[in-house]
Amino acid sequence: MLSQERYDIILNLLKNKEIVKMKEIVDTLKISESTIRRDLSYLEEHGLLKRV
């Protein structure tokens, strides 16, 4: 899966729920937590989400 596809899926999850836990993203995308952390960092750097 391409990174842009992952970004789109993560942003859609957030659009639908507003708050999404790491486990939910792992279960949805079937990828490692480290990859998700990198994706979340990228999205946060570009102002698309806020991690808490």
N, C-alpha and C. Protein backbone atom coordinates (compact mmCIF):
# COMPACT_ATOMS: atom_id res chain seq x y z
N MET A 1 0.84 -1.17 0.00
CA MET A 1 0.00 0.00 0.00
C MET A 1 0.89 1.24 0.00
N LEU A 2 0.56 2.18 -0.85
CA LEU A 2 1.32 3.42 -0.94
C LEU A 2 1.02 4.32 0.25
N SER A 3 1.99 5.16 0.58
CA SER A 3 1.81 6.04 1.73
C SER A 3 0.61 6.97 1.55
N GLN A 4 0.40 7.48 0.35
CA GLN A 4 -0.75 8.37 0.13
C GLN A 4 -2.07 7.65 0.40
N GLU A 5 -2.14 6.38 0.05
CA GLU A 5 -3.34 5.59 0.34
C GLU A 5 -3.56 5.48 1.85
N ARG A 6 -2.47 5.24 2.59
CA ARG A 6 -2.57 5.15 4.05
C ARG A 6 -3.01 6.48 4.63
N TYR A 7 -2.43 7.57 4.14
CA TYR A 7 -2.82 8.90 4.63
C TYR A 7 -4.31 9.12 4.43
N ASP A 8 -4.80 8.79 3.25
CA ASP A 8 -6.22 8.98 2.95
C ASP A 8 -7.11 8.16 3.89
N ILE A 9 -6.71 6.92 4.15
CA ILE A 9 -7.51 6.06 5.04
C ILE A 9 -7.50 6.61 6.46
N ILE A 10 -6.33 7.03 6.94
CA ILE A 10 -6.23 7.59 8.29
C ILE A 10 -7.08 8.84 8.40
N LEU A 11 -7.00 9.72 7.41
CA LEU A 11 -7.79 10.96 7.45
C LEU A 11 -9.28 10.67 7.37
N ASN A 12 -9.68 9.66 6.62
CA ASN A 12 -11.09 9.29 6.56
C ASN A 12 -11.58 8.74 7.90
N LEU A 13 -10.74 7.95 8.56
CA LEU A 13 -11.09 7.46 9.89
C LEU A 13 -11.32 8.64 10.84
N LEU A 14 -10.42 9.61 10.79
CA LEU A 14 -10.54 10.78 11.66
C LEU A 14 -11.76 11.62 11.30
N LYS A 15 -12.05 11.71 10.04
CA LYS A 15 -13.22 12.49 9.59
C LYS A 15 -14.51 11.88 10.14
N ASN A 16 -14.56 10.55 10.16
CA ASN A 16 -15.76 9.85 10.62
C ASN A 16 -15.89 9.80 12.13
N LYS A 17 -14.76 9.71 12.85
CA LYS A 17 -14.82 9.49 14.30
C LYS A 17 -14.24 10.62 15.13
N GLU A 18 -13.41 11.46 14.56
CA GLU A 18 -12.74 12.55 15.24
C GLU A 18 -11.59 12.09 16.13
N ILE A 19 -11.79 11.03 16.90
CA ILE A 19 -10.71 10.46 17.72
C ILE A 19 -10.54 9.00 17.34
N VAL A 20 -9.31 8.64 16.98
CA VAL A 20 -9.02 7.26 16.56
C VAL A 20 -7.81 6.78 17.34
N LYS A 21 -7.90 5.59 17.88
CA LYS A 21 -6.79 5.00 18.64
C LYS A 21 -5.85 4.26 17.69
N MET A 22 -4.62 4.15 18.12
CA MET A 22 -3.59 3.49 17.32
C MET A 22 -4.01 2.07 16.93
N LYS A 23 -4.58 1.33 17.86
CA LYS A 23 -4.98 -0.06 17.60
C LYS A 23 -5.99 -0.13 16.46
N GLU A 24 -6.89 0.82 16.42
CA GLU A 24 -7.89 0.82 15.35
C GLU A 24 -7.23 1.03 13.98
N ILE A 25 -6.23 1.90 13.93
CA ILE A 25 -5.51 2.13 12.67
C ILE A 25 -4.73 0.88 12.29
N VAL A 26 -4.08 0.25 13.26
CA VAL A 26 -3.33 -1.00 13.00
C VAL A 26 -4.27 -2.07 12.45
N ASP A 27 -5.42 -2.24 13.10
CA ASP A 27 -6.37 -3.26 12.66
C ASP A 27 -6.94 -2.96 11.28
N THR A 28 -7.16 -1.70 10.98
CA THR A 28 -7.72 -1.31 9.69
C THR A 28 -6.72 -1.48 8.55
N LEU A 29 -5.49 -1.00 8.78
CA LEU A 29 -4.50 -0.99 7.71
C LEU A 29 -3.64 -2.25 7.64
N LYS A 30 -3.61 -3.02 8.73
CA LYS A 30 -2.78 -4.23 8.77
C LYS A 30 -1.31 -3.93 8.50
N ILE A 31 -0.82 -2.86 9.16
CA ILE A 31 0.59 -2.51 9.05
C ILE A 31 1.15 -2.26 10.45
N SER A 32 2.46 -2.13 10.54
CA SER A 32 3.11 -2.01 11.85
C SER A 32 2.85 -0.65 12.49
N GLU A 33 2.95 -0.63 13.80
CA GLU A 33 2.78 0.62 14.56
C GLU A 33 3.83 1.64 14.18
N SER A 34 5.05 1.18 13.88
CA SER A 34 6.11 2.13 13.52
C SER A 34 5.78 2.84 12.21
N THR A 35 5.20 2.14 11.26
CA THR A 35 4.79 2.76 10.00
C THR A 35 3.68 3.77 10.25
N ILE A 36 2.74 3.41 11.10
CA ILE A 36 1.63 4.32 11.42
C ILE A 36 2.17 5.56 12.14
N ARG A 37 3.11 5.38 13.05
CA ARG A 37 3.71 6.53 13.75
C ARG A 37 4.36 7.48 12.75
N ARG A 38 5.08 6.94 11.77
CA ARG A 38 5.70 7.78 10.74
C ARG A 38 4.63 8.52 9.94
N ASP A 39 3.58 7.80 9.58
CA ASP A 39 2.49 8.42 8.82
C ASP A 39 1.83 9.53 9.63
N LEU A 40 1.58 9.28 10.92
CA LEU A 40 0.95 10.29 11.77
C LEU A 40 1.85 11.50 11.94
N SER A 41 3.15 11.27 12.06
CA SER A 41 4.10 12.38 12.17
C SER A 41 4.06 13.24 10.91
N TYR A 42 4.04 12.58 9.76
CA TYR A 42 3.98 13.29 8.48
C TYR A 42 2.70 14.13 8.40
N LEU A 43 1.58 13.52 8.73
CA LEU A 43 0.30 14.22 8.65
C LEU A 43 0.23 15.39 9.63
N GLU A 44 0.82 15.19 10.81
CA GLU A 44 0.83 16.27 11.80
C GLU A 44 1.73 17.42 11.34
N GLU A 45 2.88 17.10 10.77
CA GLU A 45 3.79 18.13 10.27
C GLU A 45 3.13 18.98 9.19
N HIS A 46 2.22 18.38 8.44
CA HIS A 46 1.54 19.09 7.37
C HIS A 46 0.20 19.69 7.82
N GLY A 47 -0.05 19.68 9.13
CA GLY A 47 -1.22 20.32 9.69
C GLY A 47 -2.54 19.62 9.42
N LEU A 48 -2.49 18.32 9.11
CA LEU A 48 -3.71 17.60 8.77
C LEU A 48 -4.34 16.90 9.96
N LEU A 49 -3.60 16.77 11.05
CA LEU A 49 -4.15 16.17 12.27
C LEU A 49 -3.34 16.62 13.46
N LYS A 50 -3.87 16.35 14.63
CA LYS A 50 -3.20 16.68 15.89
C LYS A 50 -3.15 15.43 16.73
N ARG A 51 -1.95 15.01 17.10
CA ARG A 51 -1.79 13.83 17.96
C ARG A 51 -1.83 14.26 19.42
N VAL A 52 -2.46 13.41 20.24
CA VAL A 52 -2.49 13.68 21.68
C VAL A 52 -2.11 12.43 22.44
